[in-house]
Amino acid sequence: MTCSGCSGAVSRVLSKLDGVDSYDVSLENQTVVVKGSAPYETVLEKIKKTGKEVKSGQVVQ
């Protein structure tokens, strides 16, 4: 993510995704933290569909 438009696109898709309770998009840190019951793969695919590259990810219980 390089601009507020990028982070806004990620925020928009996450806000519409079932199973996402909350999320934090940090443009400064180039990170997205998602909390909820949505499957990891689903969240990952939604973010990728915005055209943003996902360099790494992890599931924390």
C-alpha atoms as a PDB file:
ATOM      1  CA  MET A   1       0.000   0.000   0.000  1.00  0.00           C
ATOM      2  CA  THR A   2       1.487   3.270  -1.054  1.00  0.00           C
ATOM      3  CA  CYS A   3      -1.347   5.771  -0.597  1.00  0.00           C
ATOM      4  CA  SER A   4      -4.614   6.403   1.210  1.00  0.00           C
ATOM      5  CA  GLY A   5      -6.464   5.138  -1.869  1.00  0.00           C
ATOM      6  CA  CYS A   6      -4.734   1.774  -1.459  1.00  0.00           C
ATOM      7  CA  SER A   7      -5.552   1.475   2.223  1.00  0.00           C
ATOM      8  CA  GLY A   8      -9.092   2.682   1.496  1.00  0.00           C
ATOM      9  CA  ALA A   9      -9.597  -0.088  -1.065  1.00  0.00           C
ATOM     10  CA  VAL A  10      -8.496  -2.711   1.462  1.00  0.00           C
ATOM     11  CA  SER A  11     -10.743  -1.186   4.137  1.00  0.00           C
ATOM     12  CA  ARG A  12     -13.742  -1.223   1.791  1.00  0.00           C
ATOM     13  CA  VAL A  13     -13.460  -4.922   0.956  1.00  0.00           C
ATOM     14  CA  LEU A  14     -12.892  -5.897   4.580  1.00  0.00           C
ATOM     15  CA  SER A  15     -15.863  -3.843   5.792  1.00  0.00           C
ATOM     16  CA  LYS A  16     -18.157  -5.851   3.487  1.00  0.00           C
ATOM     17  CA  LEU A  17     -16.731  -9.285   4.301  1.00  0.00           C
ATOM     18  CA  ASP A  18     -18.852 -11.570   6.486  1.00  0.00           C
ATOM     19  CA  GLY A  19     -16.989 -12.882   9.505  1.00  0.00           C
ATOM     20  CA  VAL A  20     -14.738  -9.842   9.932  1.00  0.00           C
ATOM     21  CA  ASP A  21     -15.326  -8.349  13.386  1.00  0.00           C
ATOM     22  CA  SER A  22     -12.660  -5.650  13.153  1.00  0.00           C
ATOM     23  CA  TYR A  23      -9.617  -4.678  11.150  1.00  0.00           C
ATOM     24  CA  ASP A  24      -6.756  -2.207  11.341  1.00  0.00           C
ATOM     25  CA  VAL A  25      -5.124  -0.966   8.159  1.00  0.00           C
ATOM     26  CA  SER A  26      -1.810   0.814   8.729  1.00  0.00           C
ATOM     27  CA  LEU A  27      -0.475   2.633   5.689  1.00  0.00           C
ATOM     28  CA  GLU A  28       2.606   3.690   7.636  1.00  0.00           C
ATOM     29  CA  ASN A  29       3.515   0.127   8.664  1.00  0.00           C
ATOM     30  CA  GLN A  30       2.185  -1.481   5.470  1.00  0.00           C
ATOM     31  CA  THR A  31       0.116  -3.931   7.545  1.00  0.00           C
ATOM     32  CA  VAL A  32      -3.449  -5.131   7.918  1.00  0.00           C
ATOM     33  CA  VAL A  33      -4.671  -6.909  11.063  1.00  0.00           C
ATOM     34  CA  VAL A  34      -8.041  -8.643  10.751  1.00  0.00           C
ATOM     35  CA  LYS A  35     -10.021 -10.120  13.658  1.00  0.00           C
ATOM     36  CA  GLY A  36     -13.016 -12.373  13.239  1.00  0.00           C
ATOM     37  CA  SER A  37     -14.212 -15.752  12.075  1.00  0.00           C
ATOM     38  CA  ALA A  38     -13.697 -15.280   8.329  1.00  0.00           C
ATOM     39  CA  PRO A  39     -11.364 -17.956   6.930  1.00  0.00           C
ATOM     40  CA  TYR A  40      -7.798 -16.790   6.343  1.00  0.00           C
ATOM     41  CA  GLU A  41      -7.922 -17.813   2.678  1.00  0.00           C
ATOM     42  CA  THR A  42     -11.081 -15.754   2.113  1.00  0.00           C
ATOM     43  CA  VAL A  43      -9.564 -12.640   3.681  1.00  0.00           C
ATOM     44  CA  LEU A  44      -6.376 -13.127   1.678  1.00  0.00           C
ATOM     45  CA  GLU A  45      -8.258 -13.472  -1.611  1.00  0.00           C
ATOM     46  CA  LYS A  46     -10.370 -10.363  -0.943  1.00  0.00           C
ATOM     47  CA  ILE A  47      -7.271  -8.293  -0.252  1.00  0.00           C
ATOM     48  CA  LYS A  48      -5.533  -9.651  -3.376  1.00  0.00           C
ATOM     49  CA  LYS A  49      -8.568  -8.701  -5.508  1.00  0.00           C
ATOM     50  CA  THR A  50      -7.888  -5.034  -4.687  1.00  0.00           C
ATOM     51  CA  GLY A  51      -4.650  -5.418  -6.636  1.00  0.00           C
ATOM     52  CA  LYS A  52      -2.445  -5.167  -3.561  1.00  0.00           C
ATOM     53  CA  GLU A  53       0.416  -7.608  -3.121  1.00  0.00           C
ATOM     54  CA  VAL A  54       0.337  -9.721   0.021  1.00  0.00           C
ATOM     55  CA  LYS A  55       3.910 -10.443   1.077  1.00  0.00           C
ATOM     56  CA  SER A  56       3.186 -12.531   4.174  1.00  0.00           C
ATOM     57  CA  GLY A  57       0.410 -13.521   6.504  1.00  0.00           C
ATOM     58  CA  GLN A  58      -0.331 -15.545   9.547  1.00  0.00           C
ATOM     59  CA  VAL A  59      -3.223 -16.813  11.629  1.00  0.00           C
ATOM     60  CA  VAL A  60      -3.045 -16.127  15.354  1.00  0.00           C
ATOM     61  CA  GLN A  61      -5.430 -17.975  17.639  1.00  0.00           C
END
